[in-house]
């Protein structure tokens, strides 16, 4: 995951951003930040509100991604800037 990867839920009320943590000091494991946000207003017209950021090992982040896809989440474009 060299770039940000985004998912939005089916009713477009929540988003997730998956970003590789390149600053991690653990060189044996790769880590990914998963940011969660709430959509306010019209999707795509206003920035969403970031409300949580967690770090996961790469394998765990992949499992979260797969689980969200199975729940109906879909890829989307950037919703808020870094």
PDB file of N, CA and C in Angstrom:
ATOM      1  N   UNK A   1       0.840  -1.179   0.000  1.00  0.00           N
ATOM      2  CA  UNK A   1       0.000   0.000   0.000  1.00  0.00           C
ATOM      3  C   UNK A   1       0.888   1.246   0.000  1.00  0.00           C
ATOM      4  N   UNK A   2       1.390   1.594  -1.135  1.00  0.00           N
ATOM      5  CA  UNK A   2       2.266   2.747  -1.239  1.00  0.00           C
ATOM      6  C   UNK A   2       1.497   4.056  -1.181  1.00  0.00           C
ATOM      7  N   UNK A   3       0.245   4.041  -1.573  1.00  0.00           N
ATOM      8  CA  UNK A   3      -0.576   5.245  -1.555  1.00  0.00           C
ATOM      9  C   UNK A   3      -1.767   5.011  -0.640  1.00  0.00           C
ATOM     10  N   UNK A   4      -2.553   6.049  -0.457  1.00  0.00           N
ATOM     11  CA  UNK A   4      -3.774   5.897   0.324  1.00  0.00           C
ATOM     12  C   UNK A   4      -4.783   5.086  -0.465  1.00  0.00           C
ATOM     13  N   UNK A   5      -5.480   4.231   0.232  1.00  0.00           N
ATOM     14  CA  UNK A   5      -6.572   3.457  -0.356  1.00  0.00           C
ATOM     15  C   UNK A   5      -7.802   3.718   0.483  1.00  0.00           C
ATOM     16  N   UNK A   6      -8.915   4.005  -0.195  1.00  0.00           N
ATOM     17  CA  UNK A   6     -10.124   4.464   0.464  1.00  0.00           C
ATOM     18  C   UNK A   6     -11.282   3.506   0.253  1.00  0.00           C
ATOM     19  N   UNK A   7     -12.119   3.380   1.294  1.00  0.00           N
ATOM     20  CA  UNK A   7     -13.378   2.647   1.200  1.00  0.00           C
ATOM     21  C   UNK A   7     -14.492   3.526   1.759  1.00  0.00           C
ATOM     22  N   UNK A   8     -15.681   3.389   1.193  1.00  0.00           N
ATOM     23  CA  UNK A   8     -16.870   4.068   1.695  1.00  0.00           C
ATOM     24  C   UNK A   8     -17.953   3.020   1.889  1.00  0.00           C
ATOM     25  N   UNK A   9     -18.767   3.181   2.955  1.00  0.00           N
ATOM     26  CA  UNK A   9     -19.819   2.189   3.190  1.00  0.00           C
ATOM     27  C   UNK A   9     -20.975   2.387   2.222  1.00  0.00           C
ATOM     28  N   UNK A  10     -21.894   1.434   2.196  1.00  0.00           N
ATOM     29  CA  UNK A  10     -22.948   1.418   1.175  1.00  0.00           C
ATOM     30  C   UNK A  10     -23.904   2.603   1.262  1.00  0.00           C
ATOM     31  N   UNK A  11     -24.130   3.164   2.445  1.00  0.00           N
ATOM     32  CA  UNK A  11     -25.026   4.314   2.535  1.00  0.00           C
ATOM     33  C   UNK A  11     -24.256   5.642   2.569  1.00  0.00           C
ATOM     34  N   UNK A  12     -22.953   5.566   2.294  1.00  0.00           N
ATOM     35  CA  UNK A  12     -22.083   6.742   2.173  1.00  0.00           C
ATOM     36  C   UNK A  12     -22.107   7.637   3.407  1.00  0.00           C
ATOM     37  N   UNK A  13     -22.077   7.005   4.584  1.00  0.00           N
ATOM     38  CA  UNK A  13     -22.034   7.764   5.827  1.00  0.00           C
ATOM     39  C   UNK A  13     -20.689   7.647   6.539  1.00  0.00           C
ATOM     40  N   UNK A  14     -19.867   6.661   6.132  1.00  0.00           N
ATOM     41  CA  UNK A  14     -18.561   6.455   6.755  1.00  0.00           C
ATOM     42  C   UNK A  14     -17.514   6.142   5.695  1.00  0.00           C
ATOM     43  N   UNK A  15     -16.264   6.519   5.991  1.00  0.00           N
ATOM     44  CA  UNK A  15     -15.134   6.202   5.121  1.00  0.00           C
ATOM     45  C   UNK A  15     -13.992   5.631   5.953  1.00  0.00           C
ATOM     46  N   UNK A  16     -13.121   4.897   5.272  1.00  0.00           N
ATOM     47  CA  UNK A  16     -11.885   4.393   5.871  1.00  0.00           C
ATOM     48  C   UNK A  16     -10.754   4.705   4.910  1.00  0.00           C
ATOM     49  N   UNK A  17      -9.623   5.136   5.469  1.00  0.00           N
ATOM     50  CA  UNK A  17      -8.417   5.365   4.669  1.00  0.00           C
ATOM     51  C   UNK A  17      -7.333   4.433   5.199  1.00  0.00           C
ATOM     52  N   UNK A  18      -6.705   3.691   4.304  1.00  0.00           N
ATOM     53  CA  UNK A  18      -5.628   2.767   4.633  1.00  0.00           C
ATOM     54  C   UNK A  18      -4.331   3.356   4.088  1.00  0.00           C
ATOM     55  N   UNK A  19      -3.358   3.605   4.975  1.00  0.00           N
ATOM     56  CA  UNK A  19      -2.099   4.229   4.590  1.00  0.00           C
ATOM     57  C   UNK A  19      -0.937   3.477   5.228  1.00  0.00           C
ATOM     58  N   UNK A  20       0.053   3.122   4.442  1.00  0.00           N
ATOM     59  CA  UNK A  20       1.239   2.454   4.969  1.00  0.00           C
ATOM     60  C   UNK A  20       1.971   3.384   5.924  1.00  0.00           C
ATOM     61  N   UNK A  21       2.395   2.857   7.071  1.00  0.00           N
ATOM     62  CA  UNK A  21       3.188   3.628   8.027  1.00  0.00           C
ATOM     63  C   UNK A  21       4.657   3.440   7.674  1.00  0.00           C
ATOM     64  N   UNK A  22       5.195   4.357   6.920  1.00  0.00           N
ATOM     65  CA  UNK A  22       6.593   4.258   6.492  1.00  0.00           C
ATOM     66  C   UNK A  22       7.567   4.669   7.586  1.00  0.00           C
ATOM     67  N   UNK A  23       7.080   5.309   8.646  1.00  0.00           N
ATOM     68  CA  UNK A  23       7.941   5.782   9.719  1.00  0.00           C
ATOM     69  C   UNK A  23       8.113   4.755  10.841  1.00  0.00           C
ATOM     70  N   UNK A  24       7.519   3.597  10.696  1.00  0.00           N
ATOM     71  CA  UNK A  24       7.607   2.579  11.732  1.00  0.00           C
ATOM     72  C   UNK A  24       9.058   2.156  11.938  1.00  0.00           C
ATOM     73  N   UNK A  25       9.436   2.018  13.199  1.00  0.00           N
ATOM     74  CA  UNK A  25      10.802   1.600  13.528  1.00  0.00           C
ATOM     75  C   UNK A  25      10.946   0.081  13.553  1.00  0.00           C
ATOM     76  N   UNK A  26       9.852  -0.629  13.444  1.00  0.00           N
ATOM     77  CA  UNK A  26       9.869  -2.090  13.391  1.00  0.00           C
ATOM     78  C   UNK A  26      10.118  -2.498  11.941  1.00  0.00           C
ATOM     79  N   UNK A  27      11.344  -2.905  11.658  1.00  0.00           N
ATOM     80  CA  UNK A  27      11.714  -3.224  10.274  1.00  0.00           C
ATOM     81  C   UNK A  27      11.355  -4.655   9.876  1.00  0.00           C
ATOM     82  N   UNK A  28      10.889  -5.441  10.835  1.00  0.00           N
ATOM     83  CA  UNK A  28      10.501  -6.818  10.535  1.00  0.00           C
ATOM     84  C   UNK A  28       9.031  -6.915  10.111  1.00  0.00           C
ATOM     85  N   UNK A  29       8.231  -5.962  10.544  1.00  0.00           N
ATOM     86  CA  UNK A  29       6.802  -5.964  10.231  1.00  0.00           C
ATOM     87  C   UNK A  29       6.413  -4.650   9.577  1.00  0.00           C
ATOM     88  N   UNK A  30       5.482  -4.728   8.636  1.00  0.00           N
ATOM     89  CA  UNK A  30       4.928  -3.518   8.034  1.00  0.00           C
ATOM     90  C   UNK A  30       3.633  -3.188   8.759  1.00  0.00           C
ATOM     91  N   UNK A  31       3.382  -1.884   8.909  1.00  0.00           N
ATOM     92  CA  UNK A  31       2.180  -1.426   9.591  1.00  0.00           C
ATOM     93  C   UNK A  31       1.387  -0.494   8.692  1.00  0.00           C
ATOM     94  N   UNK A  32       0.076  -0.487   8.916  1.00  0.00           N
ATOM     95  CA  UNK A  32      -0.841   0.340   8.137  1.00  0.00           C
ATOM     96  C   UNK A  32      -1.714   1.129   9.108  1.00  0.00           C
ATOM     97  N   UNK A  33      -1.865   2.432   8.840  1.00  0.00           N
ATOM     98  CA  UNK A  33      -2.821   3.238   9.584  1.00  0.00           C
ATOM     99  C   UNK A  33      -4.187   3.067   8.931  1.00  0.00           C
ATOM    100  N   UNK A  34      -5.204   2.887   9.753  1.00  0.00           N
ATOM    101  CA  UNK A  34      -6.575   2.852   9.258  1.00  0.00           C
ATOM    102  C   UNK A  34      -7.295   4.010   9.929  1.00  0.00           C
ATOM    103  N   UNK A  35      -7.625   5.019   9.131  1.00  0.00           N
ATOM    104  CA  UNK A  35      -8.345   6.194   9.610  1.00  0.00           C
ATOM    105  C   UNK A  35      -9.824   5.999   9.332  1.00  0.00           C
ATOM    106  N   UNK A  36     -10.654   6.366  10.295  1.00  0.00           N
ATOM    107  CA  UNK A  36     -12.100   6.268  10.145  1.00  0.00           C
ATOM    108  C   UNK A  36     -12.697   7.661  10.184  1.00  0.00           C
ATOM    109  N   UNK A  37     -13.689   7.889   9.345  1.00  0.00           N
ATOM    110  CA  UNK A  37     -14.329   9.191   9.313  1.00  0.00           C
ATOM    111  C   UNK A  37     -15.814   9.091   9.052  1.00  0.00           C
ATOM    112  N   UNK A  38     -16.511  10.133   9.454  1.00  0.00           N
ATOM    113  CA  UNK A  38     -17.952  10.258   9.223  1.00  0.00           C
ATOM    114  C   UNK A  38     -18.173  11.273   8.112  1.00  0.00           C
ATOM    115  N   UNK A  39     -19.078  10.960   7.210  1.00  0.00           N
ATOM    116  CA  UNK A  39     -19.447  11.876   6.134  1.00  0.00           C
ATOM    117  C   UNK A  39     -20.445  12.888   6.695  1.00  0.00           C
ATOM    118  N   UNK A  40     -20.166  14.158   6.449  1.00  0.00           N
ATOM    119  CA  UNK A  40     -21.099  15.215   6.845  1.00  0.00           C
ATOM    120  C   UNK A  40     -21.548  15.938   5.584  1.00  0.00           C
ATOM    121  N   UNK A  41     -22.798  16.297   5.539  1.00  0.00           N
ATOM    122  CA  UNK A  41     -23.301  16.982   4.350  1.00  0.00           C
ATOM    123  C   UNK A  41     -23.397  16.034   3.170  1.00  0.00           C
ATOM    124  N   UNK A  42     -23.184  16.569   1.972  1.00  0.00           N
ATOM    125  CA  UNK A  42     -23.283  15.802   0.734  1.00  0.00           C
ATOM    126  C   UNK A  42     -21.934  15.137   0.455  1.00  0.00           C
ATOM    127  N   UNK A  43     -21.943  13.821   0.216  1.00  0.00           N
ATOM    128  CA  UNK A  43     -20.712  13.079  -0.036  1.00  0.00           C
ATOM    129  C   UNK A  43     -19.942  13.699  -1.196  1.00  0.00           C
ATOM    130  N   UNK A  44     -18.674  13.999  -0.970  1.00  0.00           N
ATOM    131  CA  UNK A  44     -17.819  14.557  -2.003  1.00  0.00           C
ATOM    132  C   UNK A  44     -17.826  16.072  -2.083  1.00  0.00           C
ATOM    133  N   UNK A  45     -18.802  16.700  -1.465  1.00  0.00           N
ATOM    134  CA  UNK A  45     -18.883  18.168  -1.518  1.00  0.00           C
ATOM    135  C   UNK A  45     -18.208  18.807  -0.308  1.00  0.00           C
ATOM    136  N   UNK A  46     -18.242  18.114   0.834  1.00  0.00           N
ATOM    137  CA  UNK A  46     -17.636  18.613   2.060  1.00  0.00           C
ATOM    138  C   UNK A  46     -16.696  17.543   2.604  1.00  0.00           C
ATOM    139  N   UNK A  47     -15.611  17.958   3.281  1.00  0.00           N
ATOM    140  CA  UNK A  47     -14.707  16.951   3.846  1.00  0.00           C
ATOM    141  C   UNK A  47     -15.380  16.173   4.974  1.00  0.00           C
ATOM    142  N   UNK A  48     -15.020  14.910   5.093  1.00  0.00           N
ATOM    143  CA  UNK A  48     -15.556  14.111   6.185  1.00  0.00           C
ATOM    144  C   UNK A  48     -14.789  14.441   7.465  1.00  0.00           C
ATOM    145  N   UNK A  49     -15.344  14.038   8.584  1.00  0.00           N
ATOM    146  CA  UNK A  49     -14.719  14.283   9.875  1.00  0.00           C
ATOM    147  C   UNK A  49     -13.915  13.054  10.295  1.00  0.00           C
ATOM    148  N   UNK A  50     -12.617  13.216  10.439  1.00  0.00           N
ATOM    149  CA  UNK A  50     -11.758  12.137  10.931  1.00  0.00           C
ATOM    150  C   UNK A  50     -12.049  11.960  12.417  1.00  0.00           C
ATOM    151  N   UNK A  51     -12.395  10.737  12.819  1.00  0.00           N
ATOM    152  CA  UNK A  51     -12.689  10.555  14.233  1.00  0.00           C
ATOM    153  C   UNK A  51     -11.871   9.448  14.888  1.00  0.00           C
ATOM    154  N   UNK A  52     -11.106   8.688  14.115  1.00  0.00           N
ATOM    155  CA  UNK A  52     -10.289   7.642  14.740  1.00  0.00           C
ATOM    156  C   UNK A  52      -9.160   7.242  13.800  1.00  0.00           C
ATOM    157  N   UNK A  53      -7.987   7.008  14.403  1.00  0.00           N
ATOM    158  CA  UNK A  53      -6.835   6.523  13.642  1.00  0.00           C
ATOM    159  C   UNK A  53      -6.193   5.409  14.459  1.00  0.00           C
ATOM    160  N   UNK A  54      -6.063   4.238  13.837  1.00  0.00           N
ATOM    161  CA  UNK A  54      -5.440   3.096  14.502  1.00  0.00           C
ATOM    162  C   UNK A  54      -4.380   2.509  13.590  1.00  0.00           C
ATOM    163  N   UNK A  55      -3.410   1.861  14.202  1.00  0.00           N
ATOM    164  CA  UNK A  55      -2.346   1.216  13.450  1.00  0.00           C
ATOM    165  C   UNK A  55      -2.485  -0.298  13.584  1.00  0.00           C
ATOM    166  N   UNK A  56      -2.329  -1.000  12.452  1.00  0.00           N
ATOM    167  CA  UNK A  56      -2.437  -2.455  12.426  1.00  0.00           C
ATOM    168  C   UNK A  56      -1.258  -3.029  11.653  1.00  0.00           C
ATOM    169  N   UNK A  57      -0.901  -4.275  11.965  1.00  0.00           N
ATOM    170  CA  UNK A  57       0.054  -4.975  11.125  1.00  0.00           C
ATOM    171  C   UNK A  57      -0.577  -5.144   9.747  1.00  0.00           C
ATOM    172  N   UNK A  58       0.260  -5.205   8.713  1.00  0.00           N
ATOM    173  CA  UNK A  58      -0.207  -5.277   7.338  1.00  0.00           C
ATOM    174  C   UNK A  58      -1.229  -6.397   7.137  1.00  0.00           C
ATOM    175  N   UNK A  59      -0.955  -7.577   7.661  1.00  0.00           N
ATOM    176  CA  UNK A  59      -1.851  -8.714   7.474  1.00  0.00           C
ATOM    177  C   UNK A  59      -3.220  -8.440   8.090  1.00  0.00           C
ATOM    178  N   UNK A  60      -3.234  -7.828   9.266  1.00  0.00           N
ATOM    179  CA  UNK A  60      -4.497  -7.521   9.931  1.00  0.00           C
ATOM    180  C   UNK A  60      -5.276  -6.455   9.151  1.00  0.00           C
ATOM    181  N   UNK A  61      -4.562  -5.445   8.629  1.00  0.00           N
ATOM    182  CA  UNK A  61      -5.215  -4.406   7.824  1.00  0.00           C
ATOM    183  C   UNK A  61      -5.834  -5.012   6.566  1.00  0.00           C
ATOM    184  N   UNK A  62      -5.165  -5.981   5.966  1.00  0.00           N
ATOM    185  CA  UNK A  62      -5.728  -6.655   4.792  1.00  0.00           C
ATOM    186  C   UNK A  62      -7.011  -7.400   5.141  1.00  0.00           C
ATOM    187  N   UNK A  63      -7.035  -8.025   6.316  1.00  0.00           N
ATOM    188  CA  UNK A  63      -8.236  -8.737   6.756  1.00  0.00           C
ATOM    189  C   UNK A  63      -9.383  -7.756   7.012  1.00  0.00           C
ATOM    190  N   UNK A  64      -9.080  -6.605   7.588  1.00  0.00           N
ATOM    191  CA  UNK A  64     -10.101  -5.573   7.804  1.00  0.00           C
ATOM    192  C   UNK A  64     -10.663  -5.125   6.459  1.00  0.00           C
ATOM    193  N   UNK A  65      -9.779  -4.881   5.487  1.00  0.00           N
ATOM    194  CA  UNK A  65     -10.203  -4.460   4.137  1.00  0.00           C
ATOM    195  C   UNK A  65     -11.154  -5.498   3.533  1.00  0.00           C
ATOM    196  N   UNK A  66     -10.742  -6.765   3.582  1.00  0.00           N
ATOM    197  CA  UNK A  66     -11.567  -7.840   3.012  1.00  0.00           C
ATOM    198  C   UNK A  66     -12.925  -7.927   3.701  1.00  0.00           C
ATOM    199  N   UNK A  67     -12.929  -7.815   5.029  1.00  0.00           N
ATOM    200  CA  UNK A  67     -14.183  -7.895   5.781  1.00  0.00           C
ATOM    201  C   UNK A  67     -15.124  -6.748   5.398  1.00  0.00           C
ATOM    202  N   UNK A  68     -14.569  -5.529   5.258  1.00  0.00           N
ATOM    203  CA  UNK A  68     -15.400  -4.384   4.868  1.00  0.00           C
ATOM    204  C   UNK A  68     -15.974  -4.566   3.463  1.00  0.00           C
ATOM    205  N   UNK A  69     -15.174  -5.072   2.548  1.00  0.00           N
ATOM    206  CA  UNK A  69     -15.654  -5.333   1.182  1.00  0.00           C
ATOM    207  C   UNK A  69     -16.820  -6.326   1.218  1.00  0.00           C
ATOM    208  N   UNK A  70     -16.688  -7.379   2.016  1.00  0.00           N
ATOM    209  CA  UNK A  70     -17.774  -8.365   2.136  1.00  0.00           C
ATOM    210  C   UNK A  70     -19.032  -7.752   2.743  1.00  0.00           C
ATOM    211  N   UNK A  71     -18.881  -6.683   3.536  1.00  0.00           N
ATOM    212  CA  UNK A  71     -20.022  -6.008   4.152  1.00  0.00           C
ATOM    213  C   UNK A  71     -20.641  -4.965   3.224  1.00  0.00           C
ATOM    214  N   UNK A  72     -20.107  -4.818   2.023  1.00  0.00           N
ATOM    215  CA  UNK A  72     -20.704  -3.893   1.063  1.00  0.00           C
ATOM    216  C   UNK A  72     -19.953  -2.580   0.868  1.00  0.00           C
ATOM    217  N   UNK A  73     -18.817  -2.407   1.533  1.00  0.00           N
ATOM    218  CA  UNK A  73     -18.020  -1.205   1.330  1.00  0.00           C
ATOM    219  C   UNK A  73     -17.402  -1.256  -0.064  1.00  0.00           C
ATOM    220  N   UNK A  74     -17.160  -0.070  -0.650  1.00  0.00           N
ATOM    221  CA  UNK A  74     -16.588   0.034  -1.994  1.00  0.00           C
ATOM    222  C   UNK A  74     -15.439   1.027  -2.009  1.00  0.00           C
ATOM    223  N   UNK A  75     -14.535   0.832  -2.970  1.00  0.00           N
ATOM    224  CA  UNK A  75     -13.439   1.788  -3.163  1.00  0.00           C
ATOM    225  C   UNK A  75     -14.005   3.149  -3.524  1.00  0.00           C
ATOM    226  N   UNK A  76     -13.304   4.194  -3.109  1.00  0.00           N
ATOM    227  CA  UNK A  76     -13.715   5.550  -3.456  1.00  0.00           C
ATOM    228  C   UNK A  76     -12.469   6.415  -3.597  1.00  0.00           C
ATOM    229  N   UNK A  77     -12.666   7.613  -4.107  1.00  0.00           N
ATOM    230  CA  UNK A  77     -11.568   8.572  -4.229  1.00  0.00           C
ATOM    231  C   UNK A  77     -11.289   9.206  -2.871  1.00  0.00           C
ATOM    232  N   UNK A  78     -10.209   9.977  -2.806  1.00  0.00           N
ATOM    233  CA  UNK A  78      -9.816  10.659  -1.581  1.00  0.00           C
ATOM    234  C   UNK A  78     -10.967  11.520  -1.042  1.00  0.00           C
ATOM    235  N   UNK A  79     -11.189  11.422   0.261  1.00  0.00           N
ATOM    236  CA  UNK A  79     -12.284  12.148   0.894  1.00  0.00           C
ATOM    237  C   UNK A  79     -11.757  13.315   1.735  1.00  0.00           C
ATOM    238  N   UNK A  80     -10.572  13.155   2.329  1.00  0.00           N
ATOM    239  CA  UNK A  80      -9.936  14.271   3.027  1.00  0.00           C
ATOM    240  C   UNK A  80      -8.440  14.199   2.777  1.00  0.00           C
ATOM    241  N   UNK A  81      -7.787  15.333   2.839  1.00  0.00           N
ATOM    242  CA  UNK A  81      -6.346  15.396   2.592  1.00  0.00           C
ATOM    243  C   UNK A  81      -5.573  15.017   3.823  1.00  0.00           C
ATOM    244  N   UNK A  82      -4.320  14.655   3.623  1.00  0.00           N
ATOM    245  CA  UNK A  82      -3.455  14.291   4.744  1.00  0.00           C
ATOM    246  C   UNK A  82      -3.180  15.478   5.623  1.00  0.00           C
TER     247      UNK A  82
END
